[in-house]
Every structure is written in structure tokens, then in C-alpha cells.
């Protein structure tokens, strides 16, 4: 049997549709974009009238290519919009390059008119670069968290799946866009409609701005040992000034030998090695996503000696930090 979608009697004709302008940056994420636009389509269908409109915008006004190679035809360029519009900047890979001067200037101009503006996935980086998140809470994809913190000290960066701070919105990317849009739909038309949209999406757990974007440490490492999870959390929170294995062991009430055995049993490596891998992973993110000097990257990741940093980096990634930075530049130019 086919069940018809529930209709929501409402304010059809009593108010103009709320319009969303999706600013598609070069190599934007299709998932974060689709996860934002589909809840609006379903809300219209369930209401039985057009409560939401949307247009696709981008520099040049012709086409935009997402990170998987799909091409979208745009409705407009960087044109004038209404103050009542909501602009959502959809970012993806290489957001620094995609945040062109024209895009930055356009965002600053519409912000002066009081437009509500959001950053989806790495789109938050574009907003921050335009100075639109200074003194505000915001979020960004966890992979870009470290580089964002280094570059934008005036932003109160959270690890939530989405953040609403006044007329500034931000999401961590991916399916987090669904959570934000469900929140906006609930604010506009009530929780019942938002919940039914979620059901249509087979989205069984609606997250709030209090939910964090990453899996818990036990889930991530596939091991449910409370003391192991506690030690790894301490490691991740102390990258610039690493803590010795002896101090880590004391913090969780173990001996150094017990800590060694715990890591060997569950992760097949020593605590020192695991800690090093965490630090090197952050270093690689900073090299790939920021313009920080190699020396400053080394210091930010707890290496006081550039030569020691280079040696450890080469041993782990089979290349030097300097070559990694050069290879990234070549990829961007290509």
C-alpha cells in the first residue's frame, strides 16, 4: 500500500516563501549541499505549498563543479539579493583557493545589509576569512579544526555538528546539514513538520547543536576500555606540549608498565608511538591546509627541533614536511 505524505495546513499565501541562496564554491561537497536542499523540498511537499524557495549562485554565474566532478548549472552570479534571503556557502576541498577575492567581497557586502549567512562544511573558513565570524561561535569539519584554530583566533570554534549564533550559521559538513535544516524548519513551522521530514529522509536520530561531530574515542579505535580512552583523549588535548608516558599513567592511576601493556594489547603499538602518530597527523593537516611555516607547524605539534620533526615525518609518511608542502602547492596549481 502506498501511503500519501501527511499534509500540513498552514500559511499558504499568507507569507512569501523563505528563500535560500546556495553559494557553491569550486569543488564544493555534494553531500553537504544535498543534505541541505532536500529537507526544504520535503517540507514544501508535506506542507502542500511552497514555503521555501532556493537558487544556486556562484562566481561567474554559469556552472559550479563539486568535488566528485558533477557540474551544476547556476541561477545567478554574485548579484544583489534581498535582506530576507538566507545565504549558505557550500565549501569542500581546497577552500582557501576557492575563497576568491570576489566571493569574499560579495559576502562582506551582503553582511553589511544584515543578511543571514551560513557556512556549510569548509564554507565556515570562507566566512571567517571575510571576518564574518569574529567574536562568534562557529563549527567546521573536524579535519579542518586544527588549521582553523591556528588561522582564526577571533572565532569561538566549537566541535558541534552545527552552530547558530545570531544571523550566522555553520555546519561541520556531510549529514550535519540535515540537522541544521531540520532545526530551521522546526523554528519556522514547528517540530511536527521537522520530525516528519526526518522520517521521510529515513533519518532516525536528529542531532542538536549540543552534539559533537566525531565518534567517541572507544568507537573510533574499536576498543571499549575506559582508561585507554581517557589516555587518548588527554593525548589529543595536549599536542603542543606532549605529556610523558609516566605522567599519562599517573593521571589514570596506572604504572608506566601497565600503560605500555594496555597499548600493546589493544593498539599493537607503544603509547609513545601512538602519541607520535597523533602529532604527525595534526602536522600533516596543518601543512596541507595552512600557510604556516614548517618550523611553526613543528612547534604547534610539540617538536622543538625542526630536524627531529623532519626525521619523524619522513619515517611515518615517506616524505619530508618541505616536500609535502611543495606537493600540495603543485596539486592546487594543477
C-alpha atoms as a PDB file:
ATOM      1  CA  UNK A   1       0.000   0.000   0.000  1.00  0.00           C
ATOM      2  CA  UNK A   2       1.269   3.494  -0.831  1.00  0.00           C
ATOM      3  CA  UNK A   3       0.812   5.979   1.979  1.00  0.00           C
ATOM      4  CA  UNK A   4       0.333   9.579   0.996  1.00  0.00           C
ATOM      5  CA  UNK A   5       2.579  12.130   2.670  1.00  0.00           C
ATOM      6  CA  UNK A   6       0.934  13.927   5.548  1.00  0.00           C
ATOM      7  CA  UNK A   7      -0.302  17.413   4.640  1.00  0.00           C
ATOM      8  CA  UNK A   8       0.271  20.338   6.981  1.00  0.00           C
ATOM      9  CA  UNK A   9      -2.375  23.026   6.775  1.00  0.00           C
ATOM     10  CA  UNK A  10      -0.668  26.319   7.134  1.00  0.00           C
ATOM     11  CA  UNK A  11       0.050  29.726   5.930  1.00  0.00           C
ATOM     12  CA  UNK A  12      -0.082  29.161   2.183  1.00  0.00           C
ATOM     13  CA  UNK A  13      -0.435  32.526   0.549  1.00  0.00           C
ATOM     14  CA  UNK A  14      -0.129  34.317   3.875  1.00  0.00           C
ATOM     15  CA  UNK A  15       3.617  34.790   3.586  1.00  0.00           C
ATOM     16  CA  UNK A  16       6.254  34.833   0.909  1.00  0.00           C
ATOM     17  CA  UNK A  17       8.485  31.747   0.655  1.00  0.00           C
ATOM     18  CA  UNK A  18      11.728  31.882   2.582  1.00  0.00           C
ATOM     19  CA  UNK A  19      14.491  31.919   0.002  1.00  0.00           C
ATOM     20  CA  UNK A  20      17.868  30.204   0.365  1.00  0.00           C
ATOM     21  CA  UNK A  21      20.788  31.229  -1.823  1.00  0.00           C
ATOM     22  CA  UNK A  22      23.271  28.347  -2.090  1.00  0.00           C
ATOM     23  CA  UNK A  23      26.684  29.789  -2.924  1.00  0.00           C
ATOM     24  CA  UNK A  24      28.552  26.881  -4.492  1.00  0.00           C
ATOM     25  CA  UNK A  25      32.305  27.271  -4.166  1.00  0.00           C
ATOM     26  CA  UNK A  26      34.618  25.491  -6.565  1.00  0.00           C
ATOM     27  CA  UNK A  27      34.954  21.786  -5.572  1.00  0.00           C
ATOM     28  CA  UNK A  28      32.166  22.029  -3.005  1.00  0.00           C
ATOM     29  CA  UNK A  29      30.871  18.930  -1.195  1.00  0.00           C
ATOM     30  CA  UNK A  30      27.823  17.414  -2.869  1.00  0.00           C
ATOM     31  CA  UNK A  31      26.754  15.641   0.318  1.00  0.00           C
ATOM     32  CA  UNK A  32      26.585  18.783   2.458  1.00  0.00           C
ATOM     33  CA  UNK A  33      24.680  20.591  -0.337  1.00  0.00           C
ATOM     34  CA  UNK A  34      22.186  17.769  -0.976  1.00  0.00           C
ATOM     35  CA  UNK A  35      21.666  17.312   2.775  1.00  0.00           C
ATOM     36  CA  UNK A  36      20.647  20.974   2.993  1.00  0.00           C
ATOM     37  CA  UNK A  37      18.382  21.260  -0.030  1.00  0.00           C
ATOM     38  CA  UNK A  38      16.398  18.017   0.298  1.00  0.00           C
ATOM     39  CA  UNK A  39      14.783  18.875   3.671  1.00  0.00           C
ATOM     40  CA  UNK A  40      13.467  22.079   2.076  1.00  0.00           C
ATOM     41  CA  UNK A  41      11.952  20.168  -0.843  1.00  0.00           C
ATOM     42  CA  UNK A  42      10.295  17.698   1.507  1.00  0.00           C
ATOM     43  CA  UNK A  43       8.976  20.475   3.744  1.00  0.00           C
ATOM     44  CA  UNK A  44       7.242  22.036   0.735  1.00  0.00           C
ATOM     45  CA  UNK A  45       5.763  18.693  -0.256  1.00  0.00           C
ATOM     46  CA  UNK A  46       4.453  17.969   3.231  1.00  0.00           C
ATOM     47  CA  UNK A  47       3.038  21.444   3.709  1.00  0.00           C
ATOM     48  CA  UNK A  48       1.294  21.346   0.373  1.00  0.00           C
ATOM     49  CA  UNK A  49       2.548  24.797  -0.549  1.00  0.00           C
ATOM     50  CA  UNK A  50       5.859  26.447  -1.337  1.00  0.00           C
ATOM     51  CA  UNK A  51       7.220  27.622   1.994  1.00  0.00           C
ATOM     52  CA  UNK A  52      10.812  27.554   0.711  1.00  0.00           C
ATOM     53  CA  UNK A  53      12.500  28.677  -2.481  1.00  0.00           C
ATOM     54  CA  UNK A  54      16.146  28.329  -3.406  1.00  0.00           C
ATOM     55  CA  UNK A  55      18.590  29.425  -6.075  1.00  0.00           C
ATOM     56  CA  UNK A  56      22.119  28.290  -6.915  1.00  0.00           C
ATOM     57  CA  UNK A  57      24.751  31.007  -7.065  1.00  0.00           C
ATOM     58  CA  UNK A  58      28.444  31.099  -7.820  1.00  0.00           C
ATOM     59  CA  UNK A  59      31.230  33.233  -9.144  1.00  0.00           C
ATOM     60  CA  UNK A  60      30.684  33.679 -12.881  1.00  0.00           C
ATOM     61  CA  UNK A  61      27.021  32.678 -12.654  1.00  0.00           C
ATOM     62  CA  UNK A  62      27.235  29.796 -15.141  1.00  0.00           C
ATOM     63  CA  UNK A  63      28.314  26.462 -13.642  1.00  0.00           C
ATOM     64  CA  UNK A  64      29.885  25.069 -10.465  1.00  0.00           C
ATOM     65  CA  UNK A  65      31.782  21.800 -10.157  1.00  0.00           C
ATOM     66  CA  UNK A  66      31.674  19.806  -6.948  1.00  0.00           C
ATOM     67  CA  UNK A  67      34.461  17.672  -5.520  1.00  0.00           C
ATOM     68  CA  UNK A  68      33.196  14.477  -7.201  1.00  0.00           C
ATOM     69  CA  UNK A  69      33.229  16.114 -10.644  1.00  0.00           C
ATOM     70  CA  UNK A  70      29.487  16.683 -11.095  1.00  0.00           C
ATOM     71  CA  UNK A  71      28.610  20.018 -12.708  1.00  0.00           C
ATOM     72  CA  UNK A  72      25.673  22.192 -11.629  1.00  0.00           C
ATOM     73  CA  UNK A  73      24.094  24.959 -13.687  1.00  0.00           C
ATOM     74  CA  UNK A  74      23.742  28.150 -11.666  1.00  0.00           C
ATOM     75  CA  UNK A  75      20.811  30.525 -11.444  1.00  0.00           C
ATOM     76  CA  UNK A  76      22.856  33.620 -10.681  1.00  0.00           C
ATOM     77  CA  UNK A  77      26.290  35.058 -10.110  1.00  0.00           C
ATOM     78  CA  UNK A  78      27.380  37.265  -7.250  1.00  0.00           C
ATOM     79  CA  UNK A  79      24.352  39.501  -7.702  1.00  0.00           C
ATOM     80  CA  UNK A  80      22.346  41.649  -5.338  1.00  0.00           C
ATOM     81  CA  UNK A  81      19.973  39.728  -3.074  1.00  0.00           C
ATOM     82  CA  UNK A  82      17.205  40.580  -0.632  1.00  0.00           C
ATOM     83  CA  UNK A  83      17.892  41.198   3.034  1.00  0.00           C
ATOM     84  CA  UNK A  84      15.384  38.446   3.906  1.00  0.00           C
ATOM     85  CA  UNK A  85      17.358  35.803   1.979  1.00  0.00           C
ATOM     86  CA  UNK A  86      19.498  33.202   3.747  1.00  0.00           C
ATOM     87  CA  UNK A  87      22.862  32.578   2.086  1.00  0.00           C
ATOM     88  CA  UNK A  88      24.555  29.202   2.611  1.00  0.00           C
ATOM     89  CA  UNK A  89      28.172  28.946   1.483  1.00  0.00           C
ATOM     90  CA  UNK A  90      28.876  25.353   0.423  1.00  0.00           C
ATOM     91  CA  UNK A  91      32.568  24.545   0.704  1.00  0.00           C
ATOM     92  CA  UNK A  92      34.633  21.450   0.056  1.00  0.00           C
ATOM     93  CA  UNK A  93      38.249  20.715  -0.774  1.00  0.00           C
ATOM     94  CA  UNK A  94      40.904  23.404  -1.231  1.00  0.00           C
ATOM     95  CA  UNK A  95      38.605  26.018   0.283  1.00  0.00           C
ATOM     96  CA  UNK A  96      41.443  28.552   0.580  1.00  0.00           C
ATOM     97  CA  UNK A  97      41.781  28.650  -3.186  1.00  0.00           C
ATOM     98  CA  UNK A  98      38.006  28.648  -3.710  1.00  0.00           C
ATOM     99  CA  UNK A  99      37.567  31.650  -1.377  1.00  0.00           C
ATOM    100  CA  UNK A 100      38.387  34.200  -4.044  1.00  0.00           C
ATOM    101  CA  UNK A 101      38.517  37.953  -3.560  1.00  0.00           C
ATOM    102  CA  UNK A 102      35.231  38.333  -5.448  1.00  0.00           C
ATOM    103  CA  UNK A 103      33.487  35.851  -3.147  1.00  0.00           C
ATOM    104  CA  UNK A 104      34.913  37.474  -0.005  1.00  0.00           C
ATOM    105  CA  UNK A 105      33.888  40.965  -1.115  1.00  0.00           C
ATOM    106  CA  UNK A 106      30.375  39.790  -2.005  1.00  0.00           C
ATOM    107  CA  UNK A 107      29.909  38.165   1.402  1.00  0.00           C
ATOM    108  CA  UNK A 108      31.114  41.296   3.193  1.00  0.00           C
ATOM    109  CA  UNK A 109      28.746  43.428   1.159  1.00  0.00           C
ATOM    110  CA  UNK A 110      25.634  41.365   1.863  1.00  0.00           C
ATOM    111  CA  UNK A 111      26.630  41.019   5.523  1.00  0.00           C
ATOM    112  CA  UNK A 112      26.533  44.799   5.862  1.00  0.00           C
ATOM    113  CA  UNK A 113      22.873  44.611   4.820  1.00  0.00           C
ATOM    114  CA  UNK A 114      22.058  42.208   7.662  1.00  0.00           C
ATOM    115  CA  UNK A 115      21.644  39.044   5.568  1.00  0.00           C
ATOM    116  CA  UNK A 116      21.727  35.720   7.425  1.00  0.00           C
ATOM    117  CA  UNK A 117      24.799  33.826   6.210  1.00  0.00           C
ATOM    118  CA  UNK A 118      25.918  30.250   6.880  1.00  0.00           C
ATOM    119  CA  UNK A 119      28.993  28.174   6.165  1.00  0.00           C
ATOM    120  CA  UNK A 120      28.465  24.523   5.224  1.00  0.00           C
ATOM    121  CA  UNK A 121      31.385  22.142   5.725  1.00  0.00           C
ATOM    122  CA  UNK A 122      34.534  24.180   4.930  1.00  0.00           C
ATOM    123  CA  UNK A 123      32.374  27.155   3.953  1.00  0.00           C
ATOM    124  CA  UNK A 124      32.955  28.336   7.527  1.00  0.00           C
ATOM    125  CA  UNK A 125      36.555  29.023   6.519  1.00  0.00           C
ATOM    126  CA  UNK A 126      35.323  31.397   3.815  1.00  0.00           C
ATOM    127  CA  UNK A 127      33.108  33.243   6.287  1.00  0.00           C
ATOM    128  CA  UNK A 128      35.967  33.519   8.772  1.00  0.00           C
ATOM    129  CA  UNK A 129      38.314  34.798   6.075  1.00  0.00           C
ATOM    130  CA  UNK A 130      35.766  37.507   5.315  1.00  0.00           C
ATOM    131  CA  UNK A 131      35.751  38.459   9.014  1.00  0.00           C
ATOM    132  CA  UNK A 132      32.103  37.453   9.396  1.00  0.00           C
ATOM    133  CA  UNK A 133      32.694  35.069  12.312  1.00  0.00           C
ATOM    134  CA  UNK A 134      34.858  37.288  14.513  1.00  0.00           C
ATOM    135  CA  UNK A 135      33.544  37.121  18.062  1.00  0.00           C
ATOM    136  CA  UNK A 136      31.035  34.429  17.071  1.00  0.00           C
ATOM    137  CA  UNK A 137      30.641  30.726  17.776  1.00  0.00           C
ATOM    138  CA  UNK A 138      31.050  28.503  14.735  1.00  0.00           C
ATOM    139  CA  UNK A 139      31.977  24.993  13.657  1.00  0.00           C
ATOM    140  CA  UNK A 140      33.791  23.346  10.757  1.00  0.00           C
ATOM    141  CA  UNK A 141      34.607  19.808   9.651  1.00  0.00           C
ATOM    142  CA  UNK A 142      36.829  18.121  12.237  1.00  0.00           C
ATOM    143  CA  UNK A 143      39.620  17.579   9.688  1.00  0.00           C
ATOM    144  CA  UNK A 144      39.929  21.361   9.305  1.00  0.00           C
ATOM    145  CA  UNK A 145      39.574  22.138  13.019  1.00  0.00           C
ATOM    146  CA  UNK A 146      43.283  22.485  13.833  1.00  0.00           C
ATOM    147  CA  UNK A 147      44.146  24.674  10.861  1.00  0.00           C
ATOM    148  CA  UNK A 148      41.098  26.869  11.507  1.00  0.00           C
ATOM    149  CA  UNK A 149      42.159  27.436  15.114  1.00  0.00           C
ATOM    150  CA  UNK A 150      45.632  28.482  14.017  1.00  0.00           C
ATOM    151  CA  UNK A 151      44.344  30.946  11.424  1.00  0.00           C
ATOM    152  CA  UNK A 152      41.256  32.490  13.027  1.00  0.00           C
ATOM    153  CA  UNK A 153      41.864  33.252  16.687  1.00  0.00           C
ATOM    154  CA  UNK A 154      38.887  35.626  16.925  1.00  0.00           C
ATOM    155  CA  UNK A 155      36.373  32.821  16.281  1.00  0.00           C
ATOM    156  CA  UNK A 156      34.981  30.711  19.128  1.00  0.00           C
ATOM    157  CA  UNK A 157      35.286  27.357  17.374  1.00  0.00           C
ATOM    158  CA  UNK A 158      33.085  24.509  18.611  1.00  0.00           C
ATOM    159  CA  UNK A 159      33.116  20.811  17.773  1.00  0.00           C
ATOM    160  CA  UNK A 160      29.330  20.668  17.389  1.00  0.00           C
ATOM    161  CA  UNK A 161      27.596  19.302  14.296  1.00  0.00           C
ATOM    162  CA  UNK A 162      26.115  22.755  13.720  1.00  0.00           C
ATOM    163  CA  UNK A 163      26.061  26.172  15.377  1.00  0.00           C
ATOM    164  CA  UNK A 164      23.578  29.036  15.191  1.00  0.00           C
ATOM    165  CA  UNK A 165      24.905  32.336  16.518  1.00  0.00           C
ATOM    166  CA  UNK A 166      22.512  35.157  15.686  1.00  0.00           C
ATOM    167  CA  UNK A 167      22.413  35.538  11.919  1.00  0.00           C
ATOM    168  CA  UNK A 168      25.479  33.335  11.421  1.00  0.00           C
ATOM    169  CA  UNK A 169      25.071  29.614  10.797  1.00  0.00           C
ATOM    170  CA  UNK A 170      27.670  26.887  10.366  1.00  0.00           C
ATOM    171  CA  UNK A 171      27.778  23.125   9.984  1.00  0.00           C
ATOM    172  CA  UNK A 172      30.505  20.508  10.162  1.00  0.00           C
ATOM    173  CA  UNK A 173      29.593  19.194   6.707  1.00  0.00           C
ATOM    174  CA  UNK A 174      28.152  15.924   5.458  1.00  0.00           C
ATOM    175  CA  UNK A 175      24.831  14.987   7.006  1.00  0.00           C
ATOM    176  CA  UNK A 176      25.171  17.758   9.620  1.00  0.00           C
ATOM    177  CA  UNK A 177      23.391  19.943   7.061  1.00  0.00           C
ATOM    178  CA  UNK A 178      20.260  17.864   7.647  1.00  0.00           C
ATOM    179  CA  UNK A 179      20.337  18.643  11.359  1.00  0.00           C
ATOM    180  CA  UNK A 180      20.670  22.377  10.760  1.00  0.00           C
ATOM    181  CA  UNK A 181      17.859  22.463   8.204  1.00  0.00           C
ATOM    182  CA  UNK A 182      15.550  20.440  10.454  1.00  0.00           C
ATOM    183  CA  UNK A 183      16.213  22.988  13.192  1.00  0.00           C
ATOM    184  CA  UNK A 184      15.336  25.876  10.842  1.00  0.00           C
ATOM    185  CA  UNK A 185      12.202  24.095   9.613  1.00  0.00           C
ATOM    186  CA  UNK A 186      11.125  23.462  13.216  1.00  0.00           C
ATOM    187  CA  UNK A 187      11.651  27.145  14.045  1.00  0.00           C
ATOM    188  CA  UNK A 188       9.594  28.172  11.001  1.00  0.00           C
ATOM    189  CA  UNK A 189       6.790  25.597  11.025  1.00  0.00           C
ATOM    190  CA  UNK A 190       7.001  23.507  14.177  1.00  0.00           C
ATOM    191  CA  UNK A 191       8.638  20.332  15.479  1.00  0.00           C
ATOM    192  CA  UNK A 192       5.976  18.039  13.952  1.00  0.00           C
ATOM    193  CA  UNK A 193       6.892  19.076  10.437  1.00  0.00           C
ATOM    194  CA  UNK A 194      10.630  18.771  11.113  1.00  0.00           C
ATOM    195  CA  UNK A 195      10.161  15.294  12.574  1.00  0.00           C
ATOM    196  CA  UNK A 196       8.106  14.165   9.585  1.00  0.00           C
ATOM    197  CA  UNK A 197      10.752  15.495   7.190  1.00  0.00           C
ATOM    198  CA  UNK A 198      13.321  13.455   9.136  1.00  0.00           C
ATOM    199  CA  UNK A 199      11.119  10.360   8.768  1.00  0.00           C
ATOM    200  CA  UNK A 200      10.912  10.930   5.012  1.00  0.00           C
ATOM    201  CA  UNK A 201      14.717  11.048   4.913  1.00  0.00           C
ATOM    202  CA  UNK A 202      14.971   7.820   6.969  1.00  0.00           C
ATOM    203  CA  UNK A 203      16.886   9.997   9.430  1.00  0.00           C
ATOM    204  CA  UNK A 204      16.175   8.358  12.758  1.00  0.00           C
ATOM    205  CA  UNK A 205      18.354  10.418  15.101  1.00  0.00           C
ATOM    206  CA  UNK A 206      18.093  14.200  14.864  1.00  0.00           C
ATOM    207  CA  UNK A 207      21.144  15.876  16.372  1.00  0.00           C
ATOM    208  CA  UNK A 208      21.176  19.248  18.104  1.00  0.00           C
ATOM    209  CA  UNK A 209      23.821  21.943  18.406  1.00  0.00           C
ATOM    210  CA  UNK A 210      24.953  20.182  21.589  1.00  0.00           C
ATOM    211  CA  UNK A 211      26.037  17.035  19.723  1.00  0.00           C
ATOM    212  CA  UNK A 212      29.661  16.664  18.690  1.00  0.00           C
ATOM    213  CA  UNK A 213      30.620  15.722  15.152  1.00  0.00           C
ATOM    214  CA  UNK A 214      33.149  12.941  15.782  1.00  0.00           C
ATOM    215  CA  UNK A 215      32.580   9.432  17.034  1.00  0.00           C
ATOM    216  CA  UNK A 216      33.515   8.739  20.629  1.00  0.00           C
ATOM    217  CA  UNK A 217      37.085   7.572  21.153  1.00  0.00           C
ATOM    218  CA  UNK A 218      36.042   3.985  22.034  1.00  0.00           C
ATOM    219  CA  UNK A 219      34.011   3.767  18.814  1.00  0.00           C
ATOM    220  CA  UNK A 220      36.793   5.322  16.753  1.00  0.00           C
ATOM    221  CA  UNK A 221      39.509   2.944  17.951  1.00  0.00           C
ATOM    222  CA  UNK A 222      37.172  -0.047  18.209  1.00  0.00           C
ATOM    223  CA  UNK A 223      38.083  -0.642  21.842  1.00  0.00           C
ATOM    224  CA  UNK A 224      35.882  -0.031  24.857  1.00  0.00           C
ATOM    225  CA  UNK A 225      38.428   0.347  27.627  1.00  0.00           C
ATOM    226  CA  UNK A 226      37.734   3.445  29.772  1.00  0.00           C
ATOM    227  CA  UNK A 227      41.342   4.102  30.829  1.00  0.00           C
ATOM    228  CA  UNK A 228      42.657   3.673  27.296  1.00  0.00           C
ATOM    229  CA  UNK A 229      40.040   6.122  26.007  1.00  0.00           C
ATOM    230  CA  UNK A 230      40.935   8.564  28.782  1.00  0.00           C
ATOM    231  CA  UNK A 231      44.644   8.478  27.927  1.00  0.00           C
ATOM    232  CA  UNK A 232      43.972   9.002  24.204  1.00  0.00           C
ATOM    233  CA  UNK A 233      41.716  11.947  24.992  1.00  0.00           C
ATOM    234  CA  UNK A 234      44.489  13.519  27.082  1.00  0.00           C
ATOM    235  CA  UNK A 235      46.936  12.970  24.221  1.00  0.00           C
ATOM    236  CA  UNK A 236      44.607  14.654  21.711  1.00  0.00           C
ATOM    237  CA  UNK A 237      44.169  17.632  24.021  1.00  0.00           C
ATOM    238  CA  UNK A 238      47.922  18.096  24.576  1.00  0.00           C
ATOM    239  CA  UNK A 239      49.631  18.231  21.193  1.00  0.00           C
ATOM    240  CA  UNK A 240      51.766  21.364  21.501  1.00  0.00           C
ATOM    241  CA  UNK A 241      53.218  20.271  24.837  1.00  0.00           C
ATOM    242  CA  UNK A 242      53.210  16.460  24.906  1.00  0.00           C
ATOM    243  CA  UNK A 243      52.888  14.678  28.242  1.00  0.00           C
ATOM    244  CA  UNK A 244      55.298  11.891  29.176  1.00  0.00           C
ATOM    245  CA  UNK A 245      54.077   8.274  29.354  1.00  0.00           C
ATOM    246  CA  UNK A 246      54.854   8.263  33.067  1.00  0.00           C
ATOM    247  CA  UNK A 247      52.627  11.294  33.672  1.00  0.00           C
ATOM    248  CA  UNK A 248      49.865   9.843  31.494  1.00  0.00           C
ATOM    249  CA  UNK A 249      49.985   6.644  33.519  1.00  0.00           C
ATOM    250  CA  UNK A 250      49.821   8.522  36.826  1.00  0.00           C
ATOM    251  CA  UNK A 251      46.845  10.561  35.621  1.00  0.00           C
ATOM    252  CA  UNK A 252      44.728   7.427  35.066  1.00  0.00           C
ATOM    253  CA  UNK A 253      46.060   5.561  38.120  1.00  0.00           C
ATOM    254  CA  UNK A 254      48.332   3.064  36.375  1.00  0.00           C
ATOM    255  CA  UNK A 255      52.004   2.250  36.292  1.00  0.00           C
ATOM    256  CA  UNK A 256      54.009   3.014  33.160  1.00  0.00           C
ATOM    257  CA  UNK A 257      54.408  -0.714  32.548  1.00  0.00           C
ATOM    258  CA  UNK A 258      50.650  -1.280  32.802  1.00  0.00           C
ATOM    259  CA  UNK A 259      50.073   1.551  30.316  1.00  0.00           C
ATOM    260  CA  UNK A 260      52.567   0.016  27.908  1.00  0.00           C
ATOM    261  CA  UNK A 261      50.824  -3.360  28.117  1.00  0.00           C
ATOM    262  CA  UNK A 262      47.421  -1.740  27.590  1.00  0.00           C
ATOM    263  CA  UNK A 263      48.511  -0.042  24.358  1.00  0.00           C
ATOM    264  CA  UNK A 264      50.346  -3.122  23.096  1.00  0.00           C
ATOM    265  CA  UNK A 265      47.328  -5.347  23.743  1.00  0.00           C
ATOM    266  CA  UNK A 266      44.659  -3.174  22.140  1.00  0.00           C
ATOM    267  CA  UNK A 267      46.510  -0.963  19.619  1.00  0.00           C
ATOM    268  CA  UNK A 268      49.652  -3.005  18.848  1.00  0.00           C
ATOM    269  CA  UNK A 269      51.954  -0.063  19.497  1.00  0.00           C
ATOM    270  CA  UNK A 270      53.508   1.762  22.430  1.00  0.00           C
ATOM    271  CA  UNK A 271      51.886   4.860  23.982  1.00  0.00           C
ATOM    272  CA  UNK A 272      54.841   6.887  22.723  1.00  0.00           C
ATOM    273  CA  UNK A 273      54.322   5.676  19.165  1.00  0.00           C
ATOM    274  CA  UNK A 274      50.572   6.281  19.238  1.00  0.00           C
ATOM    275  CA  UNK A 275      51.120   9.801  20.599  1.00  0.00           C
ATOM    276  CA  UNK A 276      53.644  10.465  17.833  1.00  0.00           C
ATOM    277  CA  UNK A 277      51.141   9.383  15.169  1.00  0.00           C
ATOM    278  CA  UNK A 278      48.513  11.777  16.565  1.00  0.00           C
ATOM    279  CA  UNK A 279      51.013  14.659  16.479  1.00  0.00           C
ATOM    280  CA  UNK A 280      52.206  13.833  12.965  1.00  0.00           C
ATOM    281  CA  UNK A 281      48.630  13.616  11.691  1.00  0.00           C
ATOM    282  CA  UNK A 282      47.945  17.111  13.011  1.00  0.00           C
ATOM    283  CA  UNK A 283      51.197  18.320  11.457  1.00  0.00           C
ATOM    284  CA  UNK A 284      50.168  16.945   8.073  1.00  0.00           C
ATOM    285  CA  UNK A 285      46.782  18.689   8.294  1.00  0.00           C
ATOM    286  CA  UNK A 286      48.475  21.997   9.096  1.00  0.00           C
ATOM    287  CA  UNK A 287      50.952  21.594   6.229  1.00  0.00           C
ATOM    288  CA  UNK A 288      48.165  20.810   3.774  1.00  0.00           C
ATOM    289  CA  UNK A 289      45.605  23.374   4.951  1.00  0.00           C
ATOM    290  CA  UNK A 290      47.536  26.432   6.158  1.00  0.00           C
ATOM    291  CA  UNK A 291      50.385  28.704   5.125  1.00  0.00           C
ATOM    292  CA  UNK A 292      52.187  28.191   8.449  1.00  0.00           C
ATOM    293  CA  UNK A 293      55.946  27.760   8.123  1.00  0.00           C
ATOM    294  CA  UNK A 294      57.302  24.248   8.631  1.00  0.00           C
ATOM    295  CA  UNK A 295      59.046  25.435  11.800  1.00  0.00           C
ATOM    296  CA  UNK A 296      55.803  26.792  13.254  1.00  0.00           C
ATOM    297  CA  UNK A 297      53.989  23.575  12.328  1.00  0.00           C
ATOM    298  CA  UNK A 298      56.690  21.641  14.162  1.00  0.00           C
ATOM    299  CA  UNK A 299      56.290  23.799  17.278  1.00  0.00           C
ATOM    300  CA  UNK A 300      52.489  23.549  17.175  1.00  0.00           C
ATOM    301  CA  UNK A 301      52.809  19.768  17.194  1.00  0.00           C
ATOM    302  CA  UNK A 302      55.277  19.506  20.052  1.00  0.00           C
ATOM    303  CA  UNK A 303      58.578  19.284  18.141  1.00  0.00           C
ATOM    304  CA  UNK A 304      61.193  21.681  19.474  1.00  0.00           C
ATOM    305  CA  UNK A 305      63.747  20.621  16.847  1.00  0.00           C
ATOM    306  CA  UNK A 306      62.897  21.067  13.131  1.00  0.00           C
ATOM    307  CA  UNK A 307      65.400  18.347  12.208  1.00  0.00           C
ATOM    308  CA  UNK A 308      63.764  15.882  14.608  1.00  0.00           C
ATOM    309  CA  UNK A 309      60.361  16.803  13.198  1.00  0.00           C
ATOM    310  CA  UNK A 310      61.558  16.218   9.643  1.00  0.00           C
ATOM    311  CA  UNK A 311      63.085  12.863  10.592  1.00  0.00           C
ATOM    312  CA  UNK A 312      59.902  11.634  12.296  1.00  0.00           C
ATOM    313  CA  UNK A 313      57.729  12.913   9.456  1.00  0.00           C
ATOM    314  CA  UNK A 314      59.831  11.133   6.829  1.00  0.00           C
ATOM    315  CA  UNK A 315      59.764   7.878   8.796  1.00  0.00           C
ATOM    316  CA  UNK A 316      55.958   7.977   9.009  1.00  0.00           C
ATOM    317  CA  UNK A 317      54.921   9.470   5.635  1.00  0.00           C
ATOM    318  CA  UNK A 318      57.954   8.594   3.495  1.00  0.00           C
ATOM    319  CA  UNK A 319      58.453  12.239   2.549  1.00  0.00           C
ATOM    320  CA  UNK A 320      59.700  15.386   4.250  1.00  0.00           C
ATOM    321  CA  UNK A 321      57.476  18.211   5.519  1.00  0.00           C
ATOM    322  CA  UNK A 322      59.021  20.529   2.920  1.00  0.00           C
ATOM    323  CA  UNK A 323      58.254  18.144   0.056  1.00  0.00           C
ATOM    324  CA  UNK A 324      54.727  17.644   1.399  1.00  0.00           C
ATOM    325  CA  UNK A 325      54.174  21.396   1.298  1.00  0.00           C
ATOM    326  CA  UNK A 326      55.616  21.581  -2.217  1.00  0.00           C
ATOM    327  CA  UNK A 327      53.482  18.671  -3.448  1.00  0.00           C
ATOM    328  CA  UNK A 328      50.366  20.347  -2.061  1.00  0.00           C
ATOM    329  CA  UNK A 329      51.192  23.516  -3.966  1.00  0.00           C
ATOM    330  CA  UNK A 330      51.609  21.513  -7.165  1.00  0.00           C
ATOM    331  CA  UNK A 331      48.245  19.788  -6.661  1.00  0.00           C
ATOM    332  CA  UNK A 332      46.498  23.126  -6.174  1.00  0.00           C
ATOM    333  CA  UNK A 333      48.076  24.620  -9.292  1.00  0.00           C
ATOM    334  CA  UNK A 334      47.052  21.523 -11.237  1.00  0.00           C
END
